[in-house]
Amino acid sequence: MFEPAPSQPEVVFPDHFGFCEGVVAADDLLRDVAIQARLRGIDRVYGYHDVVHNRDVVAEHEANGVVFVDDIDAIPPESVVVTSAHGVGPEVVYALEDRGSLVFDAACPLVLHTHKGVERARQSSEKVIYICHGKPGSVNKLHDEVQGMVGHLDYVIRDGELIEEPVERSFIELHEDPALVEDLLDANGRYRIVSQTTLHAEDTFKYRHILKAHILNLQPEAQVSWSNPGDVCRAVTNRQKGVNQLIQLSPRRIVVVTDPMSKNGRSYVDMAERRVKEEGLATEVVAVANAAEATRLSEIAGLTGITASASTPDRTTMAVARQLGLTQEPDIERKKFGLKDARGSTIQDRLGIFAARLATSS
């Protein structure tokens, strides 16, 4: 745990906070694509969905010429497009490429892992139980990751063609009554549990076993599988453990640095509030998006624990920490996943071919 030196204000960080490996990789991929596109005379790059759920990160890319959209019809034909870290369905990629666009995939490998789980289910004639936050048909907008999963449940690209090949599925939220999946059960008795990567890790692992036990109670011969070690993001798991690290210090307050639109960040706030209540601590839990929002907290003495959502850049977290009195920033090492579309000279090579094609057709 990052702790203050004796002479510093009492500001502490957990072992893990802020940008995760997948976000670092997606952020770098989009930046590199935008830079290399400009070098080839392509001034505008489109981001399909915000690359991550953080306004500061989005604004930085917009300043570099990236235009973010949530509707593929807002993307002109023959554009350069980078999809978000949350992943997209195959129908989105097919539609964009069918219009002559060049698509770079910034999806986190752990999200891709869940998509592969669906494909295994399709090939093995398994029905899918998808644990997620929000369901299709609800009044609230679906999380981008869930939207992408719906696409993978409905479609597959095979031999260059988009094929509608729905996998039977049931959507269920964490802690909902397992009886809600009973309509999915049939004589085949083969089921695969897949989960949204950003859910609470320990709760998701426990809930999978609850679902399996419920199914086996109704169908003792059923086969219920899931991918190991699981679909839950390790970075999310580590950041959830970080909340517990801070609580063990009984701080005066816990500050979660997160963009309001980040459900991941909101989950840390909810978790901290629940744990504080369980421990009976006089600890205030606060969510802030930037240093300005932390101003009112700087006048209150006492130990402050600071963590940040996986989509919060370190510069934002440190600005909040400085507002609360930190004078020496901790050393932070950020690893990143090796995204397929960012390997070697892939970006330069694909953009070079694309630019040459545009020049020929103009």
Protein backbone atom coordinates (compact mmCIF):
# COMPACT_ATOMS: atom_id res chain seq x y z
CA MET A 1 0.00 0.00 0.00
CA PHE A 2 1.24 3.50 -0.85
CA GLU A 3 1.52 5.34 2.46
CA PRO A 4 2.61 8.94 3.16
CA ALA A 5 6.00 9.85 4.50
CA PRO A 6 5.85 11.06 8.13
CA SER A 7 6.15 14.71 7.09
CA GLN A 8 3.38 14.51 4.50
CA PRO A 9 -0.37 15.02 4.97
CA GLU A 10 -2.22 11.84 5.73
CA VAL A 11 -3.20 10.68 2.26
CA VAL A 12 -2.93 6.99 1.41
CA PHE A 13 -3.55 4.88 -1.68
CA PRO A 14 -4.26 1.15 -1.98
CA ASP A 15 -1.93 -1.13 -3.93
CA HIS A 16 -4.09 -0.92 -7.05
CA PHE A 17 -6.14 2.00 -8.32
CA GLY A 18 -6.92 3.89 -11.50
CA PHE A 19 -6.13 2.94 -15.09
CA CYS A 20 -6.13 -0.80 -15.69
CA GLU A 21 -4.17 -2.74 -18.31
CA GLY A 22 -7.06 -2.87 -20.78
CA VAL A 23 -7.75 0.86 -20.53
CA VAL A 24 -4.06 1.73 -20.96
CA ALA A 25 -3.94 -0.44 -24.08
CA ALA A 26 -7.14 1.01 -25.57
CA ASP A 27 -6.08 4.57 -24.80
CA ASP A 28 -2.68 4.02 -26.43
CA LEU A 29 -4.19 2.29 -29.47
CA LEU A 30 -6.60 5.15 -30.18
CA ARG A 31 -3.87 7.76 -29.72
CA ASP A 32 -1.46 5.90 -32.01
CA VAL A 33 -4.11 5.41 -34.70
CA ALA A 34 -5.00 9.12 -34.64
CA ILE A 35 -1.34 10.15 -34.90
CA GLN A 36 -0.50 7.71 -37.69
CA ALA A 37 -3.70 8.60 -39.57
CA ARG A 38 -2.77 12.31 -39.58
CA LEU A 39 0.67 11.47 -40.94
CA ARG A 40 -1.11 9.88 -43.91
CA GLY A 41 -3.44 12.81 -44.52
CA ILE A 42 -6.43 11.41 -42.63
CA ASP A 43 -7.44 14.15 -40.21
CA ARG A 44 -10.48 12.51 -38.64
CA VAL A 45 -10.68 9.24 -36.75
CA TYR A 46 -13.96 7.96 -35.32
CA GLY A 47 -14.38 6.28 -31.97
CA TYR A 48 -17.37 3.98 -31.83
CA HIS A 49 -18.53 4.56 -28.25
CA ASP A 50 -16.27 6.43 -25.86
CA VAL A 51 -12.98 4.57 -25.69
CA VAL A 52 -13.47 4.45 -21.88
CA HIS A 53 -16.06 6.00 -19.59
CA ASN A 54 -14.12 9.09 -18.59
CA ARG A 55 -14.71 12.62 -19.83
CA ASP A 56 -11.08 13.73 -19.40
CA VAL A 57 -9.80 10.87 -21.54
CA VAL A 58 -12.47 11.45 -24.17
CA ALA A 59 -11.75 15.20 -24.27
CA GLU A 60 -8.03 14.57 -24.79
CA HIS A 61 -8.74 12.37 -27.81
CA GLU A 62 -11.29 14.83 -29.20
CA ALA A 63 -8.58 17.51 -29.08
CA ASN A 64 -6.51 15.20 -31.30
CA GLY A 65 -9.23 14.95 -33.92
CA VAL A 66 -11.16 11.91 -32.71
CA VAL A 67 -14.95 12.06 -33.08
CA PHE A 68 -16.91 9.77 -30.76
CA VAL A 69 -20.29 8.43 -31.85
CA ASP A 70 -22.80 5.87 -30.57
CA ASP A 71 -24.46 5.24 -33.94
CA ILE A 72 -22.61 3.74 -36.88
CA ASP A 73 -24.83 5.74 -39.23
CA ALA A 74 -23.00 8.84 -37.93
CA ILE A 75 -19.75 7.47 -39.41
CA PRO A 76 -19.18 8.30 -43.09
CA PRO A 77 -18.17 5.47 -45.43
CA GLU A 78 -14.43 4.85 -45.82
CA SER A 79 -13.52 6.15 -42.37
CA VAL A 80 -10.96 5.05 -39.82
CA VAL A 81 -12.79 3.70 -36.77
CA VAL A 82 -11.53 2.53 -33.37
CA THR A 83 -14.01 0.59 -31.24
CA SER A 84 -14.06 0.96 -27.46
CA ALA A 85 -12.35 -1.05 -24.73
CA HIS A 86 -15.76 -2.51 -23.86
CA GLY A 87 -16.03 -4.43 -27.13
CA VAL A 88 -18.64 -4.48 -29.89
CA GLY A 89 -20.76 -7.07 -31.62
CA PRO A 90 -19.75 -8.66 -34.96
CA GLU A 91 -22.66 -6.93 -36.71
CA VAL A 92 -21.05 -3.55 -35.95
CA VAL A 93 -17.66 -4.52 -37.39
CA TYR A 94 -19.31 -6.10 -40.44
CA ALA A 95 -21.44 -3.01 -41.15
CA LEU A 96 -18.45 -0.67 -40.87
CA GLU A 97 -16.19 -2.78 -43.06
CA ASP A 98 -19.02 -3.25 -45.57
CA ARG A 99 -19.00 0.55 -45.98
CA GLY A 100 -15.29 0.52 -46.70
CA SER A 101 -14.12 1.66 -43.27
CA LEU A 102 -10.92 0.53 -41.58
CA VAL A 103 -11.69 -0.80 -38.09
CA PHE A 104 -9.24 -1.14 -35.19
CA ASP A 105 -10.41 -3.20 -32.22
CA ALA A 106 -9.52 -1.72 -28.81
CA ALA A 107 -11.52 -4.31 -26.85
CA CYS A 108 -9.97 -5.52 -23.60
CA PRO A 109 -8.75 -9.13 -23.99
CA LEU A 110 -10.85 -10.09 -20.97
CA VAL A 111 -13.97 -8.86 -22.76
CA LEU A 112 -12.89 -10.85 -25.82
CA HIS A 113 -12.60 -13.82 -23.48
CA THR A 114 -16.35 -13.57 -22.75
CA HIS A 115 -17.10 -13.37 -26.47
CA LYS A 116 -15.12 -16.57 -27.00
CA GLY A 117 -17.20 -18.16 -24.24
CA VAL A 118 -20.33 -17.43 -26.25
CA GLU A 119 -18.78 -18.92 -29.37
CA ARG A 120 -17.88 -22.07 -27.41
CA ALA A 121 -21.50 -22.24 -26.28
CA ARG A 122 -22.70 -21.88 -29.88
CA GLN A 123 -20.40 -24.68 -31.05
CA SER A 124 -21.33 -26.96 -28.13
CA SER A 125 -25.10 -26.37 -28.28
CA GLU A 126 -25.06 -24.77 -24.83
CA LYS A 127 -27.50 -22.12 -23.68
CA VAL A 128 -25.95 -19.00 -22.16
CA ILE A 129 -26.75 -17.45 -18.80
CA TYR A 130 -25.29 -13.96 -18.88
CA ILE A 131 -24.76 -12.22 -15.54
CA CYS A 132 -24.74 -8.50 -16.19
CA HIS A 133 -25.70 -5.04 -15.00
CA GLY A 134 -28.84 -4.05 -16.91
CA LYS A 135 -30.83 -6.13 -19.39
CA PRO A 136 -32.08 -5.64 -22.94
CA GLY A 137 -35.54 -4.09 -22.82
CA SER A 138 -34.92 -2.14 -19.61
CA VAL A 139 -35.55 1.61 -19.50
CA ASN A 140 -31.90 2.38 -18.85
CA LYS A 141 -29.22 2.46 -21.54
CA LEU A 142 -27.25 -0.76 -21.61
CA HIS A 143 -23.58 -0.71 -20.68
CA ASP A 144 -21.45 -0.81 -23.84
CA GLU A 145 -20.04 -4.20 -22.84
CA VAL A 146 -23.54 -5.66 -22.56
CA GLN A 147 -24.51 -4.20 -25.94
CA GLY A 148 -21.51 -5.90 -27.49
CA MET A 149 -22.37 -9.19 -25.83
CA VAL A 150 -25.91 -9.08 -27.25
CA GLY A 151 -24.34 -8.82 -30.70
CA HIS A 152 -22.16 -11.86 -30.11
CA LEU A 153 -25.16 -13.83 -28.86
CA ASP A 154 -27.06 -13.00 -32.05
CA TYR A 155 -24.47 -12.98 -34.80
CA VAL A 156 -21.27 -14.59 -36.03
CA ILE A 157 -18.99 -13.69 -38.94
CA ARG A 158 -18.13 -16.82 -40.89
CA ASP A 159 -16.18 -16.91 -44.17
CA GLY A 160 -16.49 -13.15 -44.40
CA GLU A 161 -20.28 -13.16 -44.11
CA LEU A 162 -22.45 -11.98 -41.23
CA ILE A 163 -24.71 -14.81 -40.15
CA GLU A 164 -27.62 -14.47 -37.74
CA GLU A 165 -27.21 -17.49 -35.48
CA PRO A 166 -28.77 -16.69 -32.09
CA VAL A 167 -27.63 -18.52 -28.99
CA GLU A 168 -30.48 -19.10 -26.57
CA ARG A 169 -29.83 -17.02 -23.51
CA SER A 170 -31.07 -15.63 -20.24
CA PHE A 171 -29.97 -12.28 -18.82
CA ILE A 172 -29.79 -12.06 -15.05
CA GLU A 173 -28.40 -9.43 -12.72
CA LEU A 174 -26.11 -10.20 -9.83
CA HIS A 175 -28.07 -11.44 -6.77
CA GLU A 176 -31.37 -11.81 -8.66
CA ASP A 177 -33.57 -14.82 -7.91
CA PRO A 178 -32.01 -17.84 -9.70
CA ALA A 179 -35.53 -18.94 -10.59
CA LEU A 180 -35.42 -16.34 -13.36
CA VAL A 181 -33.31 -18.69 -15.50
CA GLU A 182 -35.80 -21.57 -15.30
CA ASP A 183 -37.48 -20.64 -18.60
CA LEU A 184 -34.17 -21.41 -20.29
CA LEU A 185 -33.97 -24.98 -19.03
CA ASP A 186 -34.75 -27.82 -21.43
CA ALA A 187 -34.10 -31.52 -21.92
CA ASN A 188 -30.70 -30.87 -23.52
CA GLY A 189 -29.42 -29.69 -20.13
CA ARG A 190 -26.27 -27.89 -21.36
CA TYR A 191 -25.61 -24.40 -20.04
CA ARG A 192 -22.70 -21.95 -19.94
CA ILE A 193 -22.50 -19.07 -17.47
CA VAL A 194 -20.79 -15.92 -18.76
CA SER A 195 -20.48 -12.66 -16.83
CA GLN A 196 -19.86 -8.99 -17.50
CA THR A 197 -16.23 -8.36 -16.63
CA THR A 198 -16.74 -5.30 -14.42
CA LEU A 199 -19.03 -6.88 -11.82
CA HIS A 200 -18.00 -7.39 -8.19
CA ALA A 201 -15.56 -10.29 -8.38
CA GLU A 202 -16.23 -12.32 -5.23
CA ASP A 203 -19.98 -11.82 -5.50
CA THR A 204 -19.93 -13.01 -9.12
CA PHE A 205 -17.93 -16.14 -8.30
CA LYS A 206 -20.34 -17.01 -5.48
CA TYR A 207 -23.39 -16.25 -7.60
CA ARG A 208 -22.24 -18.58 -10.39
CA HIS A 209 -22.23 -21.45 -7.90
CA ILE A 210 -25.67 -20.43 -6.65
CA LEU A 211 -27.01 -20.52 -10.21
CA LYS A 212 -25.37 -23.88 -10.87
CA ALA A 213 -26.76 -25.37 -7.66
CA HIS A 214 -30.24 -24.12 -8.53
CA ILE A 215 -30.09 -25.66 -12.00
CA LEU A 216 -28.75 -28.99 -10.73
CA ASN A 217 -31.48 -29.12 -8.12
CA LEU A 218 -34.00 -29.02 -10.97
CA GLN A 219 -31.93 -31.02 -13.45
CA PRO A 220 -29.43 -33.29 -11.66
CA GLU A 221 -27.96 -34.48 -14.97
CA ALA A 222 -27.42 -31.00 -16.38
CA GLN A 223 -23.99 -29.75 -17.44
CA VAL A 224 -23.23 -26.22 -16.21
CA SER A 225 -19.90 -24.75 -17.25
CA TRP A 226 -17.98 -21.48 -17.22
CA SER A 227 -14.51 -20.38 -18.23
CA ASN A 228 -11.72 -20.53 -15.66
CA PRO A 229 -10.38 -18.62 -13.88
CA GLY A 230 -13.47 -16.62 -14.74
CA ASP A 231 -14.79 -13.68 -16.66
CA VAL A 232 -14.31 -11.11 -13.93
CA CYS A 233 -11.54 -8.62 -14.63
CA ARG A 234 -8.45 -9.06 -12.44
CA ALA A 235 -7.94 -5.30 -12.38
CA VAL A 236 -11.46 -4.80 -11.06
CA THR A 237 -10.83 -7.50 -8.47
CA ASN A 238 -7.62 -5.81 -7.34
CA ARG A 239 -9.31 -2.42 -7.09
CA GLN A 240 -12.11 -3.91 -5.06
CA LYS A 241 -9.50 -5.36 -2.72
CA GLY A 242 -8.01 -1.87 -2.57
CA VAL A 243 -11.26 -0.52 -1.13
CA ASN A 244 -10.97 -3.10 1.65
CA GLN A 245 -7.34 -2.08 2.24
CA LEU A 246 -8.41 1.50 2.83
CA ILE A 247 -11.27 0.52 5.12
CA GLN A 248 -8.89 -1.44 7.35
CA LEU A 249 -7.15 1.88 8.11
CA SER A 250 -10.41 3.42 9.43
CA PRO A 251 -9.82 6.69 7.52
CA ARG A 252 -11.72 9.91 8.08
CA ARG A 253 -12.88 9.64 4.51
CA ILE A 254 -12.52 7.47 1.41
CA VAL A 255 -12.41 9.39 -1.84
CA VAL A 256 -13.21 7.54 -5.06
CA VAL A 257 -11.99 9.46 -8.10
CA THR A 258 -14.34 8.55 -10.92
CA ASP A 259 -16.30 10.00 -13.76
CA PRO A 260 -20.03 10.03 -12.90
CA MET A 261 -20.84 7.97 -16.00
CA SER A 262 -18.55 5.12 -14.91
CA LYS A 263 -20.59 2.26 -13.44
CA ASN A 264 -17.28 0.70 -12.43
CA GLY A 265 -16.47 3.74 -10.32
CA ARG A 266 -19.95 3.83 -8.83
CA SER A 267 -19.53 0.20 -7.78
CA TYR A 268 -16.46 1.14 -5.68
CA VAL A 269 -18.46 3.87 -3.96
CA ASP A 270 -21.30 1.44 -3.24
CA MET A 271 -18.86 -1.19 -1.99
CA ALA A 272 -17.07 1.29 0.30
CA GLU A 273 -20.37 2.57 1.72
CA ARG A 274 -21.53 -0.97 2.41
CA ARG A 275 -18.27 -2.01 4.06
CA VAL A 276 -18.10 1.18 6.15
CA LYS A 277 -21.59 0.48 7.43
CA GLU A 278 -20.71 -3.15 8.19
CA GLU A 279 -17.63 -2.09 10.16
CA GLY A 280 -19.51 0.68 11.98
CA LEU A 281 -16.92 3.24 10.97
CA ALA A 282 -17.30 7.02 11.09
CA THR A 283 -15.92 7.23 7.56
CA GLU A 284 -17.29 9.47 4.85
CA VAL A 285 -17.35 7.98 1.36
CA VAL A 286 -17.15 10.56 -1.42
CA ALA A 287 -17.06 10.33 -5.21
CA VAL A 288 -15.30 13.16 -7.05
CA ALA A 289 -14.54 13.61 -10.74
CA ASN A 290 -11.76 16.20 -10.47
CA ALA A 291 -9.66 18.32 -8.16
CA ALA A 292 -12.22 21.12 -8.06
CA GLU A 293 -14.80 18.78 -6.53
CA ALA A 294 -12.31 17.84 -3.82
CA THR A 295 -11.87 21.43 -2.64
CA ARG A 296 -14.41 21.22 0.17
CA LEU A 297 -12.70 18.13 1.57
CA SER A 298 -9.28 19.77 1.93
CA GLU A 299 -10.34 21.68 5.02
CA ILE A 300 -11.28 18.57 6.98
CA ALA A 301 -8.44 17.00 8.97
CA GLY A 302 -7.85 13.26 9.26
CA LEU A 303 -6.61 10.32 7.25
CA THR A 304 -7.86 10.25 3.65
CA GLY A 305 -7.85 7.09 1.59
CA ILE A 306 -7.94 7.64 -2.17
CA THR A 307 -8.76 5.13 -4.88
CA ALA A 308 -9.92 5.50 -8.47
CA SER A 309 -11.95 3.61 -11.03
CA ALA A 310 -10.23 1.62 -13.77
CA SER A 311 -11.12 4.33 -16.30
CA THR A 312 -9.65 7.22 -14.27
CA PRO A 313 -6.25 8.48 -15.50
CA ASP A 314 -3.52 8.87 -12.89
CA ARG A 315 -3.15 12.59 -13.62
CA THR A 316 -6.74 13.14 -12.44
CA THR A 317 -6.26 11.05 -9.31
CA MET A 318 -3.03 12.84 -8.41
CA ALA A 319 -4.64 16.26 -8.95
CA VAL A 320 -7.31 15.30 -6.41
CA ALA A 321 -4.66 13.97 -4.03
CA ARG A 322 -2.67 17.20 -4.26
CA GLN A 323 -5.82 19.16 -3.52
CA LEU A 324 -6.13 17.08 -0.35
CA GLY A 325 -2.54 17.83 0.68
CA LEU A 326 -0.31 15.23 -1.01
CA THR A 327 3.13 16.63 -1.79
CA GLN A 328 4.96 13.57 -3.11
CA GLU A 329 3.28 11.31 -5.62
CA PRO A 330 3.76 7.53 -5.38
CA ASP A 331 5.66 5.67 -8.07
CA ILE A 332 3.13 3.91 -10.27
CA GLU A 333 3.87 1.29 -12.91
CA ARG A 334 1.17 0.70 -15.49
CA LYS A 335 1.35 -2.41 -17.61
CA LYS A 336 -0.81 -2.86 -20.67
CA PHE A 337 -2.25 -5.71 -22.65
CA GLY A 338 -0.85 -6.38 -26.08
CA LEU A 339 -3.88 -5.76 -28.27
CA LYS A 340 -3.82 -7.65 -31.56
CA ASP A 341 -4.38 -4.50 -33.62
CA ALA A 342 -1.45 -2.75 -31.91
CA ARG A 343 1.20 -5.40 -32.48
CA GLY A 344 4.40 -4.47 -34.27
CA SER A 345 3.76 -2.27 -37.27
CA THR A 346 0.10 -3.30 -37.62
CA ILE A 347 -1.27 0.24 -37.25
CA GLN A 348 1.18 1.76 -39.75
CA ASP A 349 0.79 -1.07 -42.26
CA ARG A 350 -3.01 -1.11 -42.24
CA LEU A 351 -3.29 2.67 -42.39
CA GLY A 352 -0.75 2.79 -45.23
CA ILE A 353 -2.76 0.34 -47.32
CA PHE A 354 -6.00 2.15 -46.46
CA ALA A 355 -4.62 5.60 -47.36
CA ALA A 356 -3.31 4.25 -50.67
CA ARG A 357 -6.73 2.80 -51.43
CA LEU A 358 -8.41 6.14 -50.70
CA ALA A 359 -5.94 7.96 -52.94
CA THR A 360 -6.60 5.52 -55.79
CA SER A 361 -10.37 5.82 -55.52
CA SER A 362 -10.43 9.63 -55.32
